[in-house]
Amino acid sequence: MYKTSIEIPTGTTLEEIKMRKKIANKYSSTFALTHYFTEILELAKEIRRTPPKKDNENQKRFSEIIVLEYEKEEFGKVKLTVGVLRGSKQHIQYCITAIE
């Protein structure tokens, strides 16, 4: 496992909280993906299924968008968005987002 070169503040002062939030906003989704992806896939609950957005070029190849959420106690909520490919019906990870 890699160690970060950034010293993450652990205190409770307003300045340390702001610094920690700024760092978490940059890497929290990546952290969720790299550390909890298998767990998220296995345990996430389906929230909704929607058609792809008509004006979104990235979603054109999908027939359906599925949104799943998983609550990780020591991390928080993680949202996983999956696209269902037209024709083959293959499920493709579209987006993973850490929600604070």
N, C-alpha and C. Protein backbone atom coordinates (compact mmCIF):
# COMPACT_ATOMS: atom_id res chain seq x y z
N MET A 1 0.84 -1.17 0.00
CA MET A 1 0.00 0.00 0.00
C MET A 1 0.89 1.24 0.00
N TYR A 2 0.48 2.25 -0.71
CA TYR A 2 1.23 3.49 -0.81
C TYR A 2 0.91 4.40 0.36
N LYS A 3 1.93 5.12 0.81
CA LYS A 3 1.70 6.13 1.84
C LYS A 3 1.56 7.46 1.16
N THR A 4 0.66 8.29 1.69
CA THR A 4 0.48 9.61 1.10
C THR A 4 1.61 10.52 1.54
N SER A 5 1.97 11.44 0.69
CA SER A 5 3.01 12.39 1.04
C SER A 5 2.40 13.65 1.67
N ILE A 6 1.10 13.69 1.77
CA ILE A 6 0.41 14.82 2.38
C ILE A 6 0.11 14.48 3.83
N GLU A 7 0.48 15.37 4.73
CA GLU A 7 0.17 15.19 6.14
C GLU A 7 -1.27 15.64 6.36
N ILE A 8 -2.13 14.72 6.72
CA ILE A 8 -3.55 15.02 6.93
C ILE A 8 -3.74 15.41 8.38
N PRO A 9 -4.23 16.64 8.64
CA PRO A 9 -4.42 17.10 10.01
C PRO A 9 -5.51 16.28 10.71
N THR A 10 -5.31 16.02 11.99
CA THR A 10 -6.26 15.21 12.75
C THR A 10 -6.94 15.99 13.87
N GLY A 11 -6.57 17.23 14.04
CA GLY A 11 -7.12 18.04 15.14
C GLY A 11 -8.54 18.51 14.90
N THR A 12 -9.07 19.27 15.85
CA THR A 12 -10.45 19.73 15.78
C THR A 12 -10.58 21.25 15.65
N THR A 13 -9.47 21.94 15.40
CA THR A 13 -9.57 23.38 15.21
C THR A 13 -10.23 23.67 13.86
N LEU A 14 -10.81 24.84 13.73
CA LEU A 14 -11.50 25.21 12.49
C LEU A 14 -10.55 25.12 11.30
N GLU A 15 -9.32 25.58 11.48
CA GLU A 15 -8.35 25.55 10.38
C GLU A 15 -8.03 24.11 9.96
N GLU A 16 -7.85 23.22 10.94
CA GLU A 16 -7.55 21.82 10.61
C GLU A 16 -8.73 21.12 9.95
N ILE A 17 -9.93 21.43 10.37
CA ILE A 17 -11.13 20.86 9.76
C ILE A 17 -11.24 21.31 8.31
N LYS A 18 -10.99 22.60 8.06
CA LYS A 18 -11.05 23.12 6.69
C LYS A 18 -9.98 22.46 5.81
N MET A 19 -8.78 22.29 6.35
CA MET A 19 -7.70 21.65 5.58
C MET A 19 -8.06 20.20 5.26
N ARG A 20 -8.62 19.49 6.24
CA ARG A 20 -8.99 18.09 6.05
C ARG A 20 -10.09 17.96 5.01
N LYS A 21 -11.08 18.85 5.06
CA LYS A 21 -12.18 18.82 4.09
C LYS A 21 -11.66 19.09 2.68
N LYS A 22 -10.74 20.02 2.54
CA LYS A 22 -10.16 20.34 1.24
C LYS A 22 -9.43 19.12 0.66
N ILE A 23 -8.66 18.42 1.50
CA ILE A 23 -7.96 17.21 1.05
C ILE A 23 -8.96 16.12 0.70
N ALA A 24 -9.99 15.89 1.57
CA ALA A 24 -10.98 14.81 1.33
C ALA A 24 -11.73 15.04 0.05
N ASN A 25 -12.04 16.31 -0.30
CA ASN A 25 -12.76 16.60 -1.53
C ASN A 25 -11.96 16.18 -2.75
N LYS A 26 -10.66 16.18 -2.66
CA LYS A 26 -9.83 15.83 -3.80
C LYS A 26 -9.68 14.33 -4.01
N TYR A 27 -9.70 13.56 -2.94
CA TYR A 27 -9.39 12.16 -3.13
C TYR A 27 -10.41 11.18 -2.58
N SER A 28 -11.50 11.63 -1.99
CA SER A 28 -12.41 10.70 -1.31
C SER A 28 -13.07 9.72 -2.28
N SER A 29 -13.45 10.15 -3.48
CA SER A 29 -14.05 9.22 -4.44
C SER A 29 -13.03 8.18 -4.91
N THR A 30 -11.79 8.60 -5.14
CA THR A 30 -10.74 7.68 -5.54
C THR A 30 -10.44 6.69 -4.42
N PHE A 31 -10.41 7.19 -3.19
CA PHE A 31 -10.18 6.32 -2.04
C PHE A 31 -11.27 5.27 -1.94
N ALA A 32 -12.53 5.67 -2.11
CA ALA A 32 -13.65 4.73 -2.06
C ALA A 32 -13.50 3.66 -3.12
N LEU A 33 -13.13 4.07 -4.32
CA LEU A 33 -12.98 3.13 -5.42
C LEU A 33 -11.86 2.13 -5.16
N THR A 34 -10.71 2.61 -4.75
CA THR A 34 -9.56 1.73 -4.60
C THR A 34 -9.64 0.82 -3.38
N HIS A 35 -10.33 1.24 -2.33
CA HIS A 35 -10.35 0.47 -1.11
C HIS A 35 -11.62 -0.36 -0.90
N TYR A 36 -12.72 0.10 -1.45
CA TYR A 36 -14.00 -0.54 -1.12
C TYR A 36 -14.80 -1.01 -2.33
N PHE A 37 -14.20 -1.04 -3.52
CA PHE A 37 -14.98 -1.30 -4.74
C PHE A 37 -15.70 -2.65 -4.70
N THR A 38 -15.01 -3.70 -4.34
CA THR A 38 -15.65 -5.03 -4.29
C THR A 38 -16.79 -5.04 -3.28
N GLU A 39 -16.54 -4.47 -2.13
CA GLU A 39 -17.56 -4.39 -1.08
C GLU A 39 -18.77 -3.58 -1.55
N ILE A 40 -18.52 -2.48 -2.24
CA ILE A 40 -19.60 -1.64 -2.76
C ILE A 40 -20.43 -2.43 -3.77
N LEU A 41 -19.76 -3.12 -4.69
CA LEU A 41 -20.48 -3.91 -5.70
C LEU A 41 -21.36 -4.99 -5.07
N GLU A 42 -20.86 -5.63 -4.05
CA GLU A 42 -21.59 -6.72 -3.43
C GLU A 42 -22.74 -6.26 -2.54
N LEU A 43 -22.58 -5.12 -1.86
CA LEU A 43 -23.53 -4.73 -0.83
C LEU A 43 -24.37 -3.48 -1.12
N ALA A 44 -24.09 -2.80 -2.21
CA ALA A 44 -24.83 -1.56 -2.52
C ALA A 44 -26.30 -1.87 -2.81
N LYS A 45 -27.16 -0.93 -2.43
CA LYS A 45 -28.61 -1.05 -2.66
C LYS A 45 -29.00 -0.16 -3.84
N GLU A 46 -29.85 -0.71 -4.69
CA GLU A 46 -30.33 0.06 -5.84
C GLU A 46 -31.26 1.17 -5.37
N ILE A 47 -30.99 2.39 -5.83
CA ILE A 47 -31.80 3.55 -5.47
C ILE A 47 -32.82 3.85 -6.57
N ARG A 48 -32.35 3.85 -7.81
CA ARG A 48 -33.26 4.15 -8.93
C ARG A 48 -32.68 3.68 -10.25
N ARG A 49 -33.58 3.53 -11.22
CA ARG A 49 -33.23 3.24 -12.61
C ARG A 49 -33.86 4.34 -13.45
N THR A 50 -33.07 4.92 -14.33
CA THR A 50 -33.57 6.01 -15.16
C THR A 50 -33.07 5.84 -16.58
N PRO A 51 -33.78 6.44 -17.54
CA PRO A 51 -33.24 6.46 -18.89
C PRO A 51 -32.04 7.42 -18.93
N PRO A 52 -31.13 7.24 -19.88
CA PRO A 52 -29.99 8.16 -19.97
C PRO A 52 -30.46 9.57 -20.34
N LYS A 53 -29.68 10.56 -19.94
CA LYS A 53 -30.00 11.95 -20.28
C LYS A 53 -29.81 12.15 -21.78
N LYS A 54 -30.79 12.73 -22.43
CA LYS A 54 -30.75 12.91 -23.88
C LYS A 54 -29.63 13.84 -24.34
N ASP A 55 -29.31 14.84 -23.53
CA ASP A 55 -28.30 15.84 -23.93
C ASP A 55 -26.89 15.49 -23.45
N ASN A 56 -26.71 14.28 -22.89
CA ASN A 56 -25.40 13.87 -22.40
C ASN A 56 -24.75 12.89 -23.38
N GLU A 57 -23.70 13.34 -24.03
CA GLU A 57 -23.00 12.53 -25.04
C GLU A 57 -22.45 11.23 -24.45
N ASN A 58 -21.97 11.28 -23.20
CA ASN A 58 -21.38 10.09 -22.57
C ASN A 58 -22.41 9.01 -22.27
N GLN A 59 -23.68 9.38 -22.17
CA GLN A 59 -24.71 8.40 -21.82
C GLN A 59 -25.46 7.85 -23.03
N LYS A 60 -25.12 8.30 -24.24
CA LYS A 60 -25.83 7.87 -25.45
C LYS A 60 -25.80 6.36 -25.67
N ARG A 61 -24.72 5.71 -25.30
CA ARG A 61 -24.58 4.29 -25.58
C ARG A 61 -25.33 3.39 -24.60
N PHE A 62 -25.94 4.00 -23.57
CA PHE A 62 -26.65 3.22 -22.56
C PHE A 62 -28.16 3.24 -22.79
N SER A 63 -28.80 2.14 -22.46
CA SER A 63 -30.26 2.08 -22.53
C SER A 63 -30.88 2.43 -21.19
N GLU A 64 -30.09 2.34 -20.12
CA GLU A 64 -30.59 2.60 -18.78
C GLU A 64 -29.41 2.97 -17.87
N ILE A 65 -29.70 3.82 -16.89
CA ILE A 65 -28.72 4.20 -15.88
C ILE A 65 -29.24 3.70 -14.53
N ILE A 66 -28.39 2.98 -13.80
CA ILE A 66 -28.76 2.45 -12.49
C ILE A 66 -27.90 3.14 -11.43
N VAL A 67 -28.55 3.67 -10.39
CA VAL A 67 -27.85 4.34 -9.30
C VAL A 67 -27.95 3.46 -8.05
N LEU A 68 -26.78 3.16 -7.47
CA LEU A 68 -26.72 2.37 -6.26
C LEU A 68 -26.01 3.17 -5.18
N GLU A 69 -26.35 2.91 -3.92
CA GLU A 69 -25.68 3.58 -2.82
C GLU A 69 -25.25 2.56 -1.78
N TYR A 70 -24.14 2.87 -1.12
CA TYR A 70 -23.63 2.02 -0.06
C TYR A 70 -23.12 2.91 1.06
N GLU A 71 -23.52 2.61 2.28
CA GLU A 71 -23.07 3.37 3.45
C GLU A 71 -21.95 2.59 4.13
N LYS A 72 -20.78 3.16 4.13
CA LYS A 72 -19.62 2.56 4.80
C LYS A 72 -19.41 3.32 6.09
N GLU A 73 -19.54 2.62 7.23
CA GLU A 73 -19.54 3.28 8.53
C GLU A 73 -18.36 4.22 8.76
N GLU A 74 -17.15 3.76 8.49
CA GLU A 74 -15.98 4.59 8.76
C GLU A 74 -15.62 5.53 7.61
N PHE A 75 -16.38 5.50 6.54
CA PHE A 75 -16.07 6.34 5.38
C PHE A 75 -17.21 7.29 5.03
N GLY A 76 -18.43 6.80 5.03
CA GLY A 76 -19.58 7.60 4.64
C GLY A 76 -20.32 6.94 3.50
N LYS A 77 -21.16 7.71 2.83
CA LYS A 77 -21.98 7.18 1.74
C LYS A 77 -21.23 7.23 0.42
N VAL A 78 -21.39 6.17 -0.38
CA VAL A 78 -20.76 6.08 -1.70
C VAL A 78 -21.85 5.81 -2.72
N LYS A 79 -21.86 6.59 -3.79
CA LYS A 79 -22.84 6.41 -4.86
C LYS A 79 -22.13 5.81 -6.07
N LEU A 80 -22.68 4.71 -6.58
CA LEU A 80 -22.13 4.04 -7.76
C LEU A 80 -23.17 4.12 -8.86
N THR A 81 -22.78 4.65 -10.00
CA THR A 81 -23.67 4.76 -11.15
C THR A 81 -23.20 3.78 -12.22
N VAL A 82 -24.14 2.97 -12.69
CA VAL A 82 -23.84 1.92 -13.67
C VAL A 82 -24.69 2.15 -14.91
N GLY A 83 -24.10 2.01 -16.08
CA GLY A 83 -24.84 2.12 -17.34
C GLY A 83 -25.06 0.74 -17.93
N VAL A 84 -26.25 0.52 -18.50
CA VAL A 84 -26.57 -0.73 -19.17
C VAL A 84 -26.44 -0.47 -20.67
N LEU A 85 -25.48 -1.16 -21.31
CA LEU A 85 -25.22 -0.94 -22.73
C LEU A 85 -26.41 -1.36 -23.59
N ARG A 86 -26.69 -0.57 -24.61
CA ARG A 86 -27.74 -0.92 -25.57
C ARG A 86 -27.33 -2.21 -26.28
N GLY A 87 -28.26 -3.06 -26.57
CA GLY A 87 -27.96 -4.30 -27.30
C GLY A 87 -27.47 -5.43 -26.41
N SER A 88 -26.24 -5.34 -25.93
CA SER A 88 -25.64 -6.44 -25.15
C SER A 88 -26.15 -6.51 -23.72
N LYS A 89 -26.71 -5.41 -23.21
CA LYS A 89 -27.21 -5.31 -21.83
C LYS A 89 -26.09 -5.47 -20.80
N GLN A 90 -24.85 -5.32 -21.22
CA GLN A 90 -23.72 -5.41 -20.31
C GLN A 90 -23.73 -4.22 -19.35
N HIS A 91 -23.40 -4.47 -18.09
CA HIS A 91 -23.36 -3.42 -17.07
C HIS A 91 -21.95 -2.84 -16.98
N ILE A 92 -21.84 -1.51 -17.12
CA ILE A 92 -20.56 -0.82 -17.14
C ILE A 92 -20.56 0.23 -16.03
N GLN A 93 -19.49 0.26 -15.23
CA GLN A 93 -19.38 1.31 -14.22
C GLN A 93 -19.27 2.65 -14.93
N TYR A 94 -20.14 3.57 -14.58
CA TYR A 94 -20.16 4.89 -15.21
C TYR A 94 -19.50 5.93 -14.31
N CYS A 95 -19.79 5.85 -13.01
CA CYS A 95 -19.27 6.87 -12.09
C CYS A 95 -19.33 6.33 -10.67
N ILE A 96 -18.35 6.70 -9.86
CA ILE A 96 -18.38 6.41 -8.42
C ILE A 96 -18.07 7.70 -7.70
N THR A 97 -18.91 8.02 -6.71
CA THR A 97 -18.78 9.30 -6.03
C THR A 97 -18.92 9.10 -4.53
N ALA A 98 -18.01 9.68 -3.76
CA ALA A 98 -18.12 9.69 -2.32
C ALA A 98 -19.00 10.87 -1.92
N ILE A 99 -20.01 10.61 -1.11
CA ILE A 99 -20.93 11.66 -0.67
C ILE A 99 -20.68 11.93 0.79
N GLU A 100 -20.37 13.17 1.13
CA GLU A 100 -20.09 13.52 2.53
C GLU A 100 -21.34 14.05 3.20
